[in-house]
Amino acid sequence: MPEVLVIAANGEKLGVMNTDQAVALAEDIGLDLVEVSPKARPPVCRIMDYGKYKYEQRKKASEGKKNTVSSLLKEVKFRPKTDVHDFNFKVDHIKRFLLEGHKVKVTVRFRGREVMHSDRGTAVCKKIERFVTEHQLGNVETMPRMEGKDMHMIIAPRPGARRQVKRPETPEKAKGKGERKVELKAKASGGDGKAGGEGKAAGAAAAAVAVAAAPAPSTDTEGKA
């Protein structure tokens, strides 16, 4: 490429110039000439510190991976005639999986002639769909459909419904909190005792001053007949 459009490190367009001239210009200020838009006519090159640029790109990619939530596909199985208690128990699992950011595969398993009544499986799926929709937990990604003797439905979590699962405290951490509470309680009780002692001493001193200030009984008998 004989000519390129050169952009300075501060973003200023330097215009179209010979490639050798652009390379020399970048080398004079201790930077590199990097092609950023090869399909443009003429190609666009920018003067920059290429090593620093690659480092920043790797850093951004690493931060992006950290913030990416690893989503798994969790399967919860039902029967066409699942009783109420078992149904609610399994729905609680679906709720937890969705709040953790995972997709849920709902499977309704038919046995024998039950496959002739696929409408019962559809009713189970509709009931689950209504629950997750009303509680704003997720949306149905794949509608119920039969695959052999099983009916499948996939539910995806809603982005706003995800929460961070609280990890249980370790015994060491819980013990540390207990010791801290005992220490604070001991300090509080010690402070109250000291304040009580000071109050009693002040009361005794005030009583002594009052006794000293009281007039002595009179011994004068001149007025008596």
Protein backbone atom coordinates (compact mmCIF):
# COMPACT_ATOMS: atom_id res chain seq x y z
CA MET A 1 0.00 0.00 0.00
CA PRO A 2 1.78 3.14 -1.21
CA GLU A 3 -0.40 5.61 0.75
CA VAL A 4 -2.32 5.52 4.01
CA LEU A 5 -4.57 7.85 5.97
CA VAL A 6 -2.69 8.63 9.17
CA ILE A 7 -4.31 9.41 12.53
CA ALA A 8 -2.14 10.83 15.30
CA ALA A 9 -1.98 9.38 18.82
CA ASN A 10 -4.30 12.13 20.08
CA GLY A 11 -6.92 11.31 17.42
CA GLU A 12 -6.05 14.14 15.04
CA LYS A 13 -6.18 13.29 11.33
CA LEU A 14 -2.83 13.98 9.72
CA GLY A 15 -4.11 13.25 6.21
CA VAL A 16 -2.97 10.91 3.44
CA MET A 17 0.75 10.37 3.16
CA ASN A 18 3.29 7.92 1.83
CA THR A 19 3.59 4.73 3.89
CA ASP A 20 7.33 5.11 4.45
CA GLN A 21 6.81 8.70 5.52
CA ALA A 22 4.09 7.63 8.00
CA VAL A 23 6.32 4.90 9.47
CA ALA A 24 9.21 7.36 9.86
CA LEU A 25 6.87 9.86 11.54
CA ALA A 26 5.78 7.26 14.11
CA GLU A 27 9.36 6.12 14.77
CA ASP A 28 10.52 9.71 15.32
CA ILE A 29 8.25 10.02 18.37
CA GLY A 30 8.98 6.48 19.63
CA LEU A 31 5.62 4.94 18.64
CA ASP A 32 4.28 2.45 16.09
CA LEU A 33 2.17 2.78 12.98
CA VAL A 34 -0.75 0.36 13.33
CA GLU A 35 -3.27 -0.43 10.59
CA VAL A 36 -6.77 -0.11 12.12
CA SER A 37 -8.97 -0.20 9.01
CA PRO A 38 -7.39 -2.23 6.20
CA LYS A 39 -10.53 -2.33 4.02
CA ALA A 40 -10.78 1.46 3.74
CA ARG A 41 -9.49 3.27 0.67
CA PRO A 42 -6.84 4.38 1.43
CA PRO A 43 -6.20 2.12 4.48
CA VAL A 44 -6.37 3.88 7.84
CA CYS A 45 -3.37 3.69 10.17
CA ARG A 46 -2.96 5.12 13.64
CA ILE A 47 0.17 6.14 15.51
CA MET A 48 0.18 4.44 18.92
CA ASP A 49 2.14 2.38 21.42
CA TYR A 50 1.31 -1.07 20.05
CA GLY A 51 2.54 -2.95 23.14
CA LYS A 52 0.36 -0.84 25.44
CA TYR A 53 -2.59 -1.26 23.06
CA LYS A 54 -2.32 -5.07 23.11
CA TYR A 55 -2.02 -5.06 26.91
CA GLU A 56 -5.20 -3.00 27.28
CA GLN A 57 -7.03 -5.32 24.87
CA ARG A 58 -6.02 -8.39 26.90
CA LYS A 59 -7.05 -6.65 30.13
CA LYS A 60 -10.49 -5.79 28.72
CA ALA A 61 -10.97 -9.36 27.51
CA SER A 62 -10.00 -10.72 30.93
CA GLU A 63 -12.44 -8.40 32.72
CA GLY A 64 -15.17 -9.41 30.31
CA LYS A 65 -14.65 -13.09 31.12
CA LYS A 66 -14.87 -12.37 34.86
CA ASN A 67 -18.20 -10.62 34.42
CA THR A 68 -19.61 -13.38 32.22
CA VAL A 69 -22.08 -15.63 34.03
CA SER A 70 -21.61 -19.30 33.21
CA SER A 71 -25.12 -20.47 32.40
CA LEU A 72 -25.99 -24.16 32.60
CA LEU A 73 -29.02 -26.11 31.41
CA LYS A 74 -30.74 -27.65 34.44
CA GLU A 75 -33.35 -30.36 33.90
CA VAL A 76 -36.39 -30.85 36.14
CA LYS A 77 -38.56 -33.89 35.47
CA PHE A 78 -42.32 -34.18 35.98
CA ARG A 79 -44.98 -36.80 35.42
CA PRO A 80 -48.38 -36.13 33.83
CA LYS A 81 -50.01 -36.89 37.20
CA THR A 82 -47.49 -35.29 39.57
CA ASP A 83 -49.13 -34.70 42.96
CA VAL A 84 -49.38 -31.19 44.40
CA HIS A 85 -46.60 -31.55 47.00
CA ASP A 86 -44.11 -33.00 44.52
CA PHE A 87 -45.10 -30.41 41.92
CA ASN A 88 -44.47 -27.48 44.31
CA PHE A 89 -41.16 -29.03 45.39
CA LYS A 90 -39.95 -29.26 41.78
CA VAL A 91 -41.21 -25.75 40.96
CA ASP A 92 -39.08 -24.44 43.85
CA HIS A 93 -36.07 -26.01 42.14
CA ILE A 94 -36.98 -24.26 38.89
CA LYS A 95 -37.24 -20.95 40.74
CA ARG A 96 -33.81 -21.40 42.33
CA PHE A 97 -32.16 -22.37 39.05
CA LEU A 98 -33.61 -19.33 37.26
CA LEU A 99 -32.52 -16.97 40.03
CA GLU A 100 -29.00 -18.40 39.73
CA GLY A 101 -29.02 -17.47 36.04
CA HIS A 102 -29.41 -20.98 34.59
CA LYS A 103 -31.77 -22.17 31.89
CA VAL A 104 -34.25 -24.87 32.88
CA LYS A 105 -35.32 -27.81 30.75
CA VAL A 106 -38.74 -29.01 31.91
CA THR A 107 -39.31 -32.67 31.01
CA VAL A 108 -42.68 -34.39 31.33
CA ARG A 109 -42.10 -38.15 31.10
CA PHE A 110 -44.88 -40.43 29.84
CA ARG A 111 -45.12 -44.16 30.44
CA GLY A 112 -46.99 -46.73 28.38
CA ARG A 113 -50.36 -45.50 27.20
CA GLU A 114 -49.93 -42.15 28.96
CA VAL A 115 -48.34 -40.91 25.75
CA MET A 116 -51.83 -40.94 24.22
CA HIS A 117 -52.79 -38.11 26.60
CA SER A 118 -50.14 -35.55 25.71
CA ASP A 119 -52.60 -32.80 26.66
CA ARG A 120 -51.86 -33.59 30.32
CA GLY A 121 -48.20 -32.89 29.75
CA THR A 122 -49.10 -29.65 28.01
CA ALA A 123 -51.22 -28.67 31.02
CA VAL A 124 -48.24 -29.26 33.35
CA CYS A 125 -46.00 -27.10 31.15
CA LYS A 126 -48.60 -24.34 30.95
CA LYS A 127 -48.91 -24.33 34.73
CA ILE A 128 -45.16 -23.95 35.11
CA GLU A 129 -45.06 -21.25 32.44
CA ARG A 130 -47.77 -19.30 34.25
CA PHE A 131 -45.83 -19.50 37.53
CA VAL A 132 -42.51 -18.21 36.14
CA THR A 133 -44.28 -15.48 34.16
CA GLU A 134 -46.36 -14.21 37.09
CA HIS A 135 -43.28 -14.12 39.33
CA GLN A 136 -41.17 -12.54 36.55
CA LEU A 137 -38.54 -15.27 36.82
CA GLY A 138 -38.12 -16.16 33.17
CA ASN A 139 -39.56 -16.61 29.71
CA VAL A 140 -40.30 -19.73 27.69
CA GLU A 141 -37.55 -20.08 25.11
CA THR A 142 -38.79 -23.34 23.55
CA MET A 143 -42.48 -24.15 23.66
CA PRO A 144 -43.60 -27.64 24.81
CA ARG A 145 -43.01 -30.32 22.20
CA MET A 146 -42.94 -34.11 22.14
CA GLU A 147 -39.69 -36.00 21.60
CA GLY A 148 -40.40 -39.72 21.73
CA LYS A 149 -42.21 -40.38 25.02
CA ASP A 150 -41.05 -37.14 26.63
CA MET A 151 -42.34 -33.59 26.38
CA HIS A 152 -39.74 -30.82 26.71
CA MET A 153 -39.94 -27.10 27.38
CA ILE A 154 -36.98 -24.75 27.94
CA ILE A 155 -37.24 -21.66 30.15
CA ALA A 156 -34.61 -18.91 30.06
CA PRO A 157 -34.03 -16.63 33.08
CA ARG A 158 -34.92 -12.96 32.91
CA PRO A 159 -31.83 -10.74 33.28
CA GLY A 160 -33.39 -8.65 36.03
CA ALA A 161 -34.45 -11.69 38.06
CA ARG A 162 -30.97 -13.02 38.72
CA ARG A 163 -29.63 -12.71 42.25
CA GLN A 164 -26.38 -13.64 43.89
CA VAL A 165 -26.67 -16.82 45.92
CA LYS A 166 -25.50 -16.24 49.49
CA ARG A 167 -22.81 -18.64 50.58
CA PRO A 168 -23.12 -20.15 54.07
CA GLU A 169 -20.71 -18.85 56.69
CA THR A 170 -17.77 -21.02 57.64
CA PRO A 171 -17.61 -22.21 61.29
CA GLU A 172 -14.47 -20.10 61.82
CA LYS A 173 -16.22 -16.93 60.66
CA ALA A 174 -19.29 -17.61 62.81
CA LYS A 175 -17.04 -18.27 65.83
CA GLY A 176 -15.25 -14.96 65.31
CA LYS A 177 -18.56 -13.09 65.31
CA GLY A 178 -19.59 -14.80 68.56
CA GLU A 179 -16.34 -13.86 70.29
CA ARG A 180 -16.74 -10.26 69.15
CA LYS A 181 -20.25 -10.07 70.62
CA VAL A 182 -19.07 -11.45 73.99
CA GLU A 183 -16.22 -8.94 74.07
CA LEU A 184 -18.54 -6.01 73.36
CA LYS A 185 -20.98 -7.21 76.03
CA ALA A 186 -18.20 -7.44 78.62
CA LYS A 187 -17.01 -3.92 77.81
CA ALA A 188 -20.52 -2.56 78.11
CA SER A 189 -21.12 -4.17 81.51
CA GLY A 190 -17.75 -2.95 82.80
CA GLY A 191 -18.53 0.61 81.75
CA ASP A 192 -21.91 0.54 83.53
CA GLY A 193 -20.31 -0.69 86.78
CA LYS A 194 -17.76 2.11 86.73
CA ALA A 195 -20.42 4.71 86.12
CA GLY A 196 -22.51 3.28 88.99
CA GLY A 197 -19.54 3.48 91.39
CA GLU A 198 -18.88 7.08 90.47
CA GLY A 199 -22.55 7.93 91.05
CA LYS A 200 -22.53 6.36 94.51
CA ALA A 201 -19.37 8.24 95.51
CA ALA A 202 -20.84 11.55 94.38
CA GLY A 203 -24.02 10.87 96.42
CA ALA A 204 -22.03 10.09 99.58
CA ALA A 205 -19.99 13.29 99.21
CA ALA A 206 -23.15 15.37 98.80
CA ALA A 207 -24.65 13.80 101.93
CA ALA A 208 -21.51 14.63 103.99
CA VAL A 209 -21.64 18.26 102.88
CA ALA A 210 -25.31 18.50 103.88
CA VAL A 211 -24.60 17.15 107.38
CA ALA A 212 -21.71 19.56 107.89
CA ALA A 213 -23.85 22.54 106.89
CA ALA A 214 -26.75 21.69 109.26
CA PRO A 215 -26.93 23.98 112.47
CA ALA A 216 -25.95 22.41 115.79
CA PRO A 217 -28.70 22.00 118.46
CA SER A 218 -28.98 25.05 120.85
CA THR A 219 -27.86 24.66 124.56
CA ASP A 220 -29.05 28.13 125.73
CA THR A 221 -31.48 27.91 128.77
CA GLU A 222 -31.77 31.57 129.65
CA GLY A 223 -35.24 31.92 128.36
CA LYS A 224 -36.62 29.04 130.43
CA ALA A 225 -38.39 29.76 133.74
